């Protein structure tokens, strides 16, 4: 049995992986796929790929692109979610903030530097015409950390996936002032260069299995109820999310990675650019 380690956020996007593991689909191919939840998000997963703590990561496109450019020994092996991620822009429900314009010059809570919550704060600021060089950040690690930081006034707003944070909005903990969708497909599958070098046959099997499942994921009977129960989200919200979400079974396109690098470069987040072949690998 070949052991392959994989990490991802504990969110509804990754249910296909959980189902495939539970059904023994990887074990049937002689693969022990060890899944670990990483609630800290993309910044922490980039670190895990760099330090060989994981072989694979289901990770935000912009985050892993930035980290590979910065020298991470990793490669994108496939697009996973072809649709954008909708980032909710949240404040503490008891704060005085009612409009996005009031957040100009305020402190954004982020899980880590280099995470999606960090990078998307730049994109949101640019969309609103703010000076991105004036952005201020407070590292909070997790959603729970953001709840505490916003409640204590240590940060003013927090960007995280719309539907994951919706229960906090419904409970009156957060107030959502708006959404900021990613201008590209949101999640990719990234592998460490070492994993590609030593375990290409196993990685090919893994992609084949997950792609077969995601191709028909929305057709699974009562999948909406399963998602609602597992992730403690309202059924109506889950159905809306399913309608907005598309899984991919293909490699990310050169045009997409050019767009990501153009945007990150414009915002001053990256200085260098890499070619498609330097950011990706085909198994």
C-alpha atoms as a PDB file:
ATOM      1  CA  UNK A   1       0.000   0.000   0.000  1.00  0.00           C
ATOM      2  CA  UNK A   2       1.440   3.349  -1.089  1.00  0.00           C
ATOM      3  CA  UNK A   3       0.827   6.187   1.405  1.00  0.00           C
ATOM      4  CA  UNK A   4       0.084   9.617  -0.057  1.00  0.00           C
ATOM      5  CA  UNK A   5      -0.599  12.583   2.246  1.00  0.00           C
ATOM      6  CA  UNK A   6      -3.144  15.196   1.194  1.00  0.00           C
ATOM      7  CA  UNK A   7      -4.431  18.361   2.863  1.00  0.00           C
ATOM      8  CA  UNK A   8      -7.334  20.726   2.318  1.00  0.00           C
ATOM      9  CA  UNK A   9      -9.704  23.063   4.105  1.00  0.00           C
ATOM     10  CA  UNK A  10     -12.535  21.391   6.082  1.00  0.00           C
ATOM     11  CA  UNK A  11     -15.180  22.789   3.736  1.00  0.00           C
ATOM     12  CA  UNK A  12     -17.909  21.493   1.431  1.00  0.00           C
ATOM     13  CA  UNK A  13     -15.719  21.775  -1.689  1.00  0.00           C
ATOM     14  CA  UNK A  14     -13.747  18.771  -0.478  1.00  0.00           C
ATOM     15  CA  UNK A  15     -16.584  16.334   0.217  1.00  0.00           C
ATOM     16  CA  UNK A  16     -15.720  14.334  -2.941  1.00  0.00           C
ATOM     17  CA  UNK A  17     -12.375  13.451  -1.370  1.00  0.00           C
ATOM     18  CA  UNK A  18     -14.021  12.350   1.862  1.00  0.00           C
ATOM     19  CA  UNK A  19     -16.538  10.169   0.034  1.00  0.00           C
ATOM     20  CA  UNK A  20     -13.882   8.522  -2.118  1.00  0.00           C
ATOM     21  CA  UNK A  21     -11.769   7.743   0.964  1.00  0.00           C
ATOM     22  CA  UNK A  22     -14.774   6.403   2.879  1.00  0.00           C
ATOM     23  CA  UNK A  23     -15.818   4.221  -0.065  1.00  0.00           C
ATOM     24  CA  UNK A  24     -12.323   2.705  -0.275  1.00  0.00           C
ATOM     25  CA  UNK A  25     -11.811   3.919  -3.842  1.00  0.00           C
ATOM     26  CA  UNK A  26      -8.134   4.742  -3.293  1.00  0.00           C
ATOM     27  CA  UNK A  27      -7.450   1.633  -1.203  1.00  0.00           C
ATOM     28  CA  UNK A  28      -8.723  -0.487  -4.100  1.00  0.00           C
ATOM     29  CA  UNK A  29      -5.852   0.912  -6.173  1.00  0.00           C
ATOM     30  CA  UNK A  30      -3.311   0.194  -3.435  1.00  0.00           C
ATOM     31  CA  UNK A  31      -3.200   3.783  -2.170  1.00  0.00           C
ATOM     32  CA  UNK A  32      -3.559   4.839   1.467  1.00  0.00           C
ATOM     33  CA  UNK A  33      -4.670   8.450   0.976  1.00  0.00           C
ATOM     34  CA  UNK A  34      -4.167  10.196   4.318  1.00  0.00           C
ATOM     35  CA  UNK A  35      -6.370  13.290   4.477  1.00  0.00           C
ATOM     36  CA  UNK A  36      -5.683  16.100   6.969  1.00  0.00           C
ATOM     37  CA  UNK A  37      -7.906  19.134   7.480  1.00  0.00           C
ATOM     38  CA  UNK A  38      -6.082  22.480   7.521  1.00  0.00           C
ATOM     39  CA  UNK A  39      -8.480  25.120   8.904  1.00  0.00           C
ATOM     40  CA  UNK A  40      -5.719  27.767   8.649  1.00  0.00           C
ATOM     41  CA  UNK A  41      -6.105  27.615   4.861  1.00  0.00           C
ATOM     42  CA  UNK A  42      -3.791  28.198   1.925  1.00  0.00           C
ATOM     43  CA  UNK A  43      -0.929  29.941   3.745  1.00  0.00           C
ATOM     44  CA  UNK A  44      -0.431  26.944   6.019  1.00  0.00           C
ATOM     45  CA  UNK A  45      -0.828  24.468   3.126  1.00  0.00           C
ATOM     46  CA  UNK A  46       1.866  26.300   1.147  1.00  0.00           C
ATOM     47  CA  UNK A  47       4.145  25.899   4.152  1.00  0.00           C
ATOM     48  CA  UNK A  48       3.338  22.171   4.326  1.00  0.00           C
ATOM     49  CA  UNK A  49       4.212  21.662   0.659  1.00  0.00           C
ATOM     50  CA  UNK A  50       7.480  23.547   1.148  1.00  0.00           C
ATOM     51  CA  UNK A  51       8.504  21.477   4.168  1.00  0.00           C
ATOM     52  CA  UNK A  52       7.357  18.134   2.723  1.00  0.00           C
ATOM     53  CA  UNK A  53       4.694  17.728   5.427  1.00  0.00           C
ATOM     54  CA  UNK A  54       2.256  16.819   2.664  1.00  0.00           C
ATOM     55  CA  UNK A  55       2.395  15.411  -0.848  1.00  0.00           C
ATOM     56  CA  UNK A  56      -0.780  17.007  -2.198  1.00  0.00           C
ATOM     57  CA  UNK A  57      -2.883  20.058  -1.371  1.00  0.00           C
ATOM     58  CA  UNK A  58      -6.306  21.252  -2.512  1.00  0.00           C
ATOM     59  CA  UNK A  59      -5.324  24.878  -2.527  1.00  0.00           C
ATOM     60  CA  UNK A  60      -6.312  28.318  -3.773  1.00  0.00           C
ATOM     61  CA  UNK A  61      -5.034  29.113  -7.263  1.00  0.00           C
ATOM     62  CA  UNK A  62      -3.609  32.533  -6.417  1.00  0.00           C
ATOM     63  CA  UNK A  63      -1.958  31.333  -3.208  1.00  0.00           C
ATOM     64  CA  UNK A  64      -0.024  28.425  -4.698  1.00  0.00           C
ATOM     65  CA  UNK A  65       0.900  30.468  -7.772  1.00  0.00           C
ATOM     66  CA  UNK A  66       2.448  33.137  -5.552  1.00  0.00           C
ATOM     67  CA  UNK A  67       4.294  30.525  -3.479  1.00  0.00           C
ATOM     68  CA  UNK A  68       5.735  28.653  -6.467  1.00  0.00           C
ATOM     69  CA  UNK A  69       7.003  31.976  -7.827  1.00  0.00           C
ATOM     70  CA  UNK A  70       8.584  32.572  -4.411  1.00  0.00           C
ATOM     71  CA  UNK A  71      10.487  29.291  -4.711  1.00  0.00           C
ATOM     72  CA  UNK A  72       8.168  26.587  -3.390  1.00  0.00           C
ATOM     73  CA  UNK A  73       9.154  23.137  -4.731  1.00  0.00           C
ATOM     74  CA  UNK A  74       5.589  22.401  -5.866  1.00  0.00           C
ATOM     75  CA  UNK A  75       3.603  22.205  -9.083  1.00  0.00           C
ATOM     76  CA  UNK A  76      -0.050  22.500 -10.055  1.00  0.00           C
ATOM     77  CA  UNK A  77      -1.136  19.125 -11.410  1.00  0.00           C
ATOM     78  CA  UNK A  78      -4.800  19.927 -12.082  1.00  0.00           C
ATOM     79  CA  UNK A  79      -7.591  22.446 -11.675  1.00  0.00           C
ATOM     80  CA  UNK A  80     -10.105  21.252  -9.072  1.00  0.00           C
ATOM     81  CA  UNK A  81     -12.863  23.887  -8.934  1.00  0.00           C
ATOM     82  CA  UNK A  82     -13.447  25.682 -12.236  1.00  0.00           C
ATOM     83  CA  UNK A  83     -15.806  28.322 -10.832  1.00  0.00           C
ATOM     84  CA  UNK A  84     -14.870  31.397  -8.759  1.00  0.00           C
ATOM     85  CA  UNK A  85     -14.807  31.456  -4.978  1.00  0.00           C
ATOM     86  CA  UNK A  86     -17.183  33.998  -3.439  1.00  0.00           C
ATOM     87  CA  UNK A  87     -15.357  35.770  -0.628  1.00  0.00           C
ATOM     88  CA  UNK A  88     -17.723  37.309   1.875  1.00  0.00           C
ATOM     89  CA  UNK A  89     -16.513  40.561   3.446  1.00  0.00           C
ATOM     90  CA  UNK A  90     -17.469  40.384   7.121  1.00  0.00           C
ATOM     91  CA  UNK A  91     -17.450  42.675  10.132  1.00  0.00           C
ATOM     92  CA  UNK A  92     -18.476  42.028  13.714  1.00  0.00           C
ATOM     93  CA  UNK A  93     -22.273  42.164  13.883  1.00  0.00           C
ATOM     94  CA  UNK A  94     -22.107  44.678  16.749  1.00  0.00           C
ATOM     95  CA  UNK A  95     -19.694  47.024  14.969  1.00  0.00           C
ATOM     96  CA  UNK A  96     -20.740  50.346  13.457  1.00  0.00           C
ATOM     97  CA  UNK A  97     -19.699  49.339   9.923  1.00  0.00           C
ATOM     98  CA  UNK A  98     -22.570  49.211   7.462  1.00  0.00           C
ATOM     99  CA  UNK A  99     -20.922  49.869   4.064  1.00  0.00           C
ATOM    100  CA  UNK A 100     -17.760  48.634   2.372  1.00  0.00           C
ATOM    101  CA  UNK A 101     -16.434  52.169   1.924  1.00  0.00           C
ATOM    102  CA  UNK A 102     -16.187  52.496   5.704  1.00  0.00           C
ATOM    103  CA  UNK A 103     -13.496  49.793   5.742  1.00  0.00           C
ATOM    104  CA  UNK A 104     -10.979  51.900   3.835  1.00  0.00           C
ATOM    105  CA  UNK A 105      -7.838  52.191   5.943  1.00  0.00           C
ATOM    106  CA  UNK A 106      -9.075  49.592   8.433  1.00  0.00           C
ATOM    107  CA  UNK A 107      -7.361  46.359   9.513  1.00  0.00           C
ATOM    108  CA  UNK A 108      -8.156  43.079   7.744  1.00  0.00           C
ATOM    109  CA  UNK A 109      -8.027  39.840   9.707  1.00  0.00           C
ATOM    110  CA  UNK A 110      -6.167  37.175   7.707  1.00  0.00           C
ATOM    111  CA  UNK A 111      -5.412  33.527   8.395  1.00  0.00           C
ATOM    112  CA  UNK A 112      -1.766  33.918   7.325  1.00  0.00           C
ATOM    113  CA  UNK A 113       0.329  36.039   5.019  1.00  0.00           C
ATOM    114  CA  UNK A 114       0.111  34.504   1.557  1.00  0.00           C
ATOM    115  CA  UNK A 115      -3.302  33.030   2.291  1.00  0.00           C
ATOM    116  CA  UNK A 116      -6.428  33.670   0.264  1.00  0.00           C
ATOM    117  CA  UNK A 117      -7.790  36.035   2.915  1.00  0.00           C
ATOM    118  CA  UNK A 118      -4.571  38.053   2.572  1.00  0.00           C
ATOM    119  CA  UNK A 119      -4.362  38.101  -1.237  1.00  0.00           C
ATOM    120  CA  UNK A 120      -8.075  38.721  -1.764  1.00  0.00           C
ATOM    121  CA  UNK A 121      -7.908  41.742   0.532  1.00  0.00           C
ATOM    122  CA  UNK A 122      -5.682  43.310  -2.126  1.00  0.00           C
ATOM    123  CA  UNK A 123      -8.077  42.417  -4.925  1.00  0.00           C
ATOM    124  CA  UNK A 124     -11.043  43.750  -2.958  1.00  0.00           C
ATOM    125  CA  UNK A 125      -9.162  46.981  -2.200  1.00  0.00           C
ATOM    126  CA  UNK A 126      -8.238  47.392  -5.856  1.00  0.00           C
ATOM    127  CA  UNK A 127     -11.861  46.801  -6.893  1.00  0.00           C
ATOM    128  CA  UNK A 128     -12.913  49.586  -4.520  1.00  0.00           C
ATOM    129  CA  UNK A 129     -10.220  51.998  -5.688  1.00  0.00           C
ATOM    130  CA  UNK A 130      -8.253  51.973  -2.422  1.00  0.00           C
ATOM    131  CA  UNK A 131      -4.495  52.393  -2.172  1.00  0.00           C
ATOM    132  CA  UNK A 132      -3.354  48.794  -1.646  1.00  0.00           C
ATOM    133  CA  UNK A 133      -0.084  49.963  -0.091  1.00  0.00           C
ATOM    134  CA  UNK A 134      -2.106  51.291   2.851  1.00  0.00           C
ATOM    135  CA  UNK A 135      -3.651  47.921   3.771  1.00  0.00           C
ATOM    136  CA  UNK A 136      -3.209  46.750   7.363  1.00  0.00           C
ATOM    137  CA  UNK A 137      -3.399  43.124   8.498  1.00  0.00           C
ATOM    138  CA  UNK A 138      -3.809  41.085  11.670  1.00  0.00           C
ATOM    139  CA  UNK A 139      -2.989  37.352  11.564  1.00  0.00           C
ATOM    140  CA  UNK A 140      -5.767  35.320  13.218  1.00  0.00           C
ATOM    141  CA  UNK A 141      -5.054  31.778  11.845  1.00  0.00           C
ATOM    142  CA  UNK A 142      -8.626  30.455  11.714  1.00  0.00           C
ATOM    143  CA  UNK A 143     -12.274  31.483  11.455  1.00  0.00           C
ATOM    144  CA  UNK A 144     -12.514  31.176  15.247  1.00  0.00           C
ATOM    145  CA  UNK A 145      -9.542  33.514  15.527  1.00  0.00           C
ATOM    146  CA  UNK A 146     -11.303  35.998  13.261  1.00  0.00           C
ATOM    147  CA  UNK A 147     -14.444  35.894  15.389  1.00  0.00           C
ATOM    148  CA  UNK A 148     -12.362  36.741  18.462  1.00  0.00           C
ATOM    149  CA  UNK A 149     -10.310  39.436  16.728  1.00  0.00           C
ATOM    150  CA  UNK A 150     -13.312  41.226  15.239  1.00  0.00           C
ATOM    151  CA  UNK A 151     -15.219  40.970  18.508  1.00  0.00           C
ATOM    152  CA  UNK A 152     -12.304  42.430  20.468  1.00  0.00           C
ATOM    153  CA  UNK A 153     -11.675  45.204  17.956  1.00  0.00           C
ATOM    154  CA  UNK A 154      -8.220  43.818  17.098  1.00  0.00           C
ATOM    155  CA  UNK A 155      -9.239  43.737  13.422  1.00  0.00           C
ATOM    156  CA  UNK A 156     -12.093  45.343  11.529  1.00  0.00           C
ATOM    157  CA  UNK A 157     -13.053  42.986   8.711  1.00  0.00           C
ATOM    158  CA  UNK A 158     -12.471  39.428   7.573  1.00  0.00           C
ATOM    159  CA  UNK A 159     -12.771  37.853   4.150  1.00  0.00           C
ATOM    160  CA  UNK A 160     -13.682  34.157   3.917  1.00  0.00           C
ATOM    161  CA  UNK A 161     -15.757  31.901   1.707  1.00  0.00           C
ATOM    162  CA  UNK A 162     -19.363  33.159   1.627  1.00  0.00           C
ATOM    163  CA  UNK A 163     -21.156  29.921   2.448  1.00  0.00           C
ATOM    164  CA  UNK A 164     -18.692  28.669   5.073  1.00  0.00           C
ATOM    165  CA  UNK A 165     -19.223  31.861   7.055  1.00  0.00           C
ATOM    166  CA  UNK A 166     -22.972  32.110   6.362  1.00  0.00           C
ATOM    167  CA  UNK A 167     -23.900  30.314   9.632  1.00  0.00           C
ATOM    168  CA  UNK A 168     -21.974  33.012  11.552  1.00  0.00           C
ATOM    169  CA  UNK A 169     -23.957  35.669   9.707  1.00  0.00           C
ATOM    170  CA  UNK A 170     -27.217  33.857  10.449  1.00  0.00           C
ATOM    171  CA  UNK A 171     -26.331  33.630  14.152  1.00  0.00           C
ATOM    172  CA  UNK A 172     -25.655  37.365  14.371  1.00  0.00           C
ATOM    173  CA  UNK A 173     -21.912  36.983  14.978  1.00  0.00           C
ATOM    174  CA  UNK A 174     -20.785  38.463  11.660  1.00  0.00           C
ATOM    175  CA  UNK A 175     -22.416  41.027   9.389  1.00  0.00           C
ATOM    176  CA  UNK A 176     -21.611  40.562   5.703  1.00  0.00           C
ATOM    177  CA  UNK A 177     -21.177  43.831   3.812  1.00  0.00           C
ATOM    178  CA  UNK A 178     -20.599  42.315   0.378  1.00  0.00           C
ATOM    179  CA  UNK A 179     -18.858  39.659  -1.690  1.00  0.00           C
ATOM    180  CA  UNK A 180     -15.672  39.635  -3.756  1.00  0.00           C
ATOM    181  CA  UNK A 181     -15.493  36.739  -6.253  1.00  0.00           C
ATOM    182  CA  UNK A 182     -12.126  35.507  -7.475  1.00  0.00           C
ATOM    183  CA  UNK A 183     -11.448  36.531 -11.085  1.00  0.00           C
ATOM    184  CA  UNK A 184     -10.321  32.943 -11.889  1.00  0.00           C
ATOM    185  CA  UNK A 185     -11.061  29.271 -11.060  1.00  0.00           C
ATOM    186  CA  UNK A 186     -10.555  29.040  -7.334  1.00  0.00           C
ATOM    187  CA  UNK A 187      -9.042  25.684  -6.319  1.00  0.00           C
ATOM    188  CA  UNK A 188      -6.289  23.567  -7.847  1.00  0.00           C
ATOM    189  CA  UNK A 189      -4.558  20.332  -6.877  1.00  0.00           C
ATOM    190  CA  UNK A 190      -0.887  20.961  -6.144  1.00  0.00           C
ATOM    191  CA  UNK A 191       1.828  18.381  -5.537  1.00  0.00           C
ATOM    192  CA  UNK A 192       5.304  18.635  -4.119  1.00  0.00           C
ATOM    193  CA  UNK A 193       8.028  18.114  -6.711  1.00  0.00           C
ATOM    194  CA  UNK A 194       9.236  15.166  -4.658  1.00  0.00           C
ATOM    195  CA  UNK A 195       5.802  13.515  -4.804  1.00  0.00           C
ATOM    196  CA  UNK A 196       5.689  13.982  -8.574  1.00  0.00           C
ATOM    197  CA  UNK A 197       9.186  12.575  -8.944  1.00  0.00           C
ATOM    198  CA  UNK A 198       8.641   9.506  -6.745  1.00  0.00           C
ATOM    199  CA  UNK A 199       4.901   8.758  -6.972  1.00  0.00           C
ATOM    200  CA  UNK A 200       3.644   9.713 -10.433  1.00  0.00           C
ATOM    201  CA  UNK A 201       1.744   6.403 -10.989  1.00  0.00           C
ATOM    202  CA  UNK A 202      -0.093   6.786  -7.653  1.00  0.00           C
ATOM    203  CA  UNK A 203      -0.899  10.448  -8.378  1.00  0.00           C
ATOM    204  CA  UNK A 204      -2.338   9.468 -11.761  1.00  0.00           C
ATOM    205  CA  UNK A 205      -4.614   6.944 -10.035  1.00  0.00           C
ATOM    206  CA  UNK A 206      -5.682   9.559  -7.499  1.00  0.00           C
ATOM    207  CA  UNK A 207      -6.645  12.039 -10.224  1.00  0.00           C
ATOM    208  CA  UNK A 208      -8.521   9.387 -12.155  1.00  0.00           C
ATOM    209  CA  UNK A 209     -10.553   8.424  -9.082  1.00  0.00           C
ATOM    210  CA  UNK A 210     -11.418  11.950  -7.963  1.00  0.00           C
ATOM    211  CA  UNK A 211     -12.238  13.067 -11.500  1.00  0.00           C
ATOM    212  CA  UNK A 212     -14.639  10.171 -11.962  1.00  0.00           C
ATOM    213  CA  UNK A 213     -16.400  11.139  -8.744  1.00  0.00           C
ATOM    214  CA  UNK A 214     -16.553  14.896  -9.323  1.00  0.00           C
ATOM    215  CA  UNK A 215     -17.857  14.421 -12.862  1.00  0.00           C
ATOM    216  CA  UNK A 216     -21.123  13.092 -11.416  1.00  0.00           C
ATOM    217  CA  UNK A 217     -20.947  14.551  -7.900  1.00  0.00           C
ATOM    218  CA  UNK A 218     -24.026  16.748  -8.273  1.00  0.00           C
ATOM    219  CA  UNK A 219     -26.072  13.740  -9.418  1.00  0.00           C
ATOM    220  CA  UNK A 220     -25.507  11.752  -6.208  1.00  0.00           C
ATOM    221  CA  UNK A 221     -28.964  11.207  -4.645  1.00  0.00           C
ATOM    222  CA  UNK A 222     -29.632  13.690  -1.816  1.00  0.00           C
ATOM    223  CA  UNK A 223     -26.134  15.149  -2.093  1.00  0.00           C
ATOM    224  CA  UNK A 224     -27.563  18.515  -1.024  1.00  0.00           C
ATOM    225  CA  UNK A 225     -28.849  17.041   2.233  1.00  0.00           C
ATOM    226  CA  UNK A 226     -25.577  15.221   2.869  1.00  0.00           C
ATOM    227  CA  UNK A 227     -23.634  18.454   2.431  1.00  0.00           C
ATOM    228  CA  UNK A 228     -26.074  20.347   4.634  1.00  0.00           C
ATOM    229  CA  UNK A 229     -25.786  17.782   7.439  1.00  0.00           C
ATOM    230  CA  UNK A 230     -22.023  17.305   7.299  1.00  0.00           C
ATOM    231  CA  UNK A 231     -21.120  20.966   7.150  1.00  0.00           C
ATOM    232  CA  UNK A 232     -23.986  22.270   9.287  1.00  0.00           C
ATOM    233  CA  UNK A 233     -25.278  24.618   6.635  1.00  0.00           C
ATOM    234  CA  UNK A 234     -28.790  25.584   5.654  1.00  0.00           C
ATOM    235  CA  UNK A 235     -30.169  23.400   2.857  1.00  0.00           C
ATOM    236  CA  UNK A 236     -31.209  26.427   0.800  1.00  0.00           C
ATOM    237  CA  UNK A 237     -27.665  27.843   1.044  1.00  0.00           C
ATOM    238  CA  UNK A 238     -26.140  24.522   0.002  1.00  0.00           C
ATOM    239  CA  UNK A 239     -28.392  24.335  -3.042  1.00  0.00           C
ATOM    240  CA  UNK A 240     -27.377  27.860  -4.014  1.00  0.00           C
ATOM    241  CA  UNK A 241     -23.706  26.953  -3.575  1.00  0.00           C
ATOM    242  CA  UNK A 242     -24.097  23.779  -5.681  1.00  0.00           C
ATOM    243  CA  UNK A 243     -25.650  25.828  -8.474  1.00  0.00           C
ATOM    244  CA  UNK A 244     -22.660  28.200  -8.432  1.00  0.00           C
ATOM    245  CA  UNK A 245     -19.935  25.530  -8.238  1.00  0.00           C
ATOM    246  CA  UNK A 246     -18.326  23.538 -11.037  1.00  0.00           C
ATOM    247  CA  UNK A 247     -15.700  20.838 -10.504  1.00  0.00           C
ATOM    248  CA  UNK A 248     -12.963  20.441 -13.085  1.00  0.00           C
ATOM    249  CA  UNK A 249     -11.303  17.332 -14.461  1.00  0.00           C
ATOM    250  CA  UNK A 250      -8.671  19.139 -16.557  1.00  0.00           C
ATOM    251  CA  UNK A 251      -5.355  20.902 -16.094  1.00  0.00           C
ATOM    252  CA  UNK A 252      -5.564  24.623 -15.462  1.00  0.00           C
ATOM    253  CA  UNK A 253      -5.092  26.708 -18.628  1.00  0.00           C
ATOM    254  CA  UNK A 254      -2.105  28.904 -19.507  1.00  0.00           C
ATOM    255  CA  UNK A 255      -4.491  31.851 -19.943  1.00  0.00           C
ATOM    256  CA  UNK A 256      -5.773  31.450 -16.372  1.00  0.00           C
ATOM    257  CA  UNK A 257      -2.271  31.417 -14.889  1.00  0.00           C
ATOM    258  CA  UNK A 258      -1.308  34.439 -16.975  1.00  0.00           C
ATOM    259  CA  UNK A 259      -4.357  36.288 -15.627  1.00  0.00           C
ATOM    260  CA  UNK A 260      -3.470  35.326 -12.042  1.00  0.00           C
ATOM    261  CA  UNK A 261       0.106  36.528 -12.457  1.00  0.00           C
ATOM    262  CA  UNK A 262      -0.983  39.726 -14.226  1.00  0.00           C
ATOM    263  CA  UNK A 263      -3.328  40.600 -11.345  1.00  0.00           C
ATOM    264  CA  UNK A 264      -0.833  39.712  -8.598  1.00  0.00           C
ATOM    265  CA  UNK A 265       1.858  41.655 -10.426  1.00  0.00           C
ATOM    266  CA  UNK A 266      -0.372  44.705 -10.845  1.00  0.00           C
ATOM    267  CA  UNK A 267      -1.051  44.704  -7.116  1.00  0.00           C
ATOM    268  CA  UNK A 268       2.635  44.386  -6.266  1.00  0.00           C
ATOM    269  CA  UNK A 269       2.195  40.973  -4.646  1.00  0.00           C
ATOM    270  CA  UNK A 270       4.678  39.304  -7.022  1.00  0.00           C
ATOM    271  CA  UNK A 271       7.643  40.766  -8.877  1.00  0.00           C
ATOM    272  CA  UNK A 272       8.653  37.803 -11.036  1.00  0.00           C
ATOM    273  CA  UNK A 273       6.626  35.725 -13.509  1.00  0.00           C
ATOM    274  CA  UNK A 274       6.974  32.065 -14.381  1.00  0.00           C
ATOM    275  CA  UNK A 275       6.048  30.185 -17.514  1.00  0.00           C
ATOM    276  CA  UNK A 276       3.170  27.715 -17.588  1.00  0.00           C
ATOM    277  CA  UNK A 277       5.625  24.800 -17.567  1.00  0.00           C
ATOM    278  CA  UNK A 278       7.360  26.189 -14.473  1.00  0.00           C
ATOM    279  CA  UNK A 279       4.088  26.421 -12.526  1.00  0.00           C
ATOM    280  CA  UNK A 280       2.505  23.138 -13.612  1.00  0.00           C
ATOM    281  CA  UNK A 281       3.322  19.578 -14.515  1.00  0.00           C
ATOM    282  CA  UNK A 282       1.402  17.005 -16.535  1.00  0.00           C
ATOM    283  CA  UNK A 283       1.434  13.545 -15.031  1.00  0.00           C
END
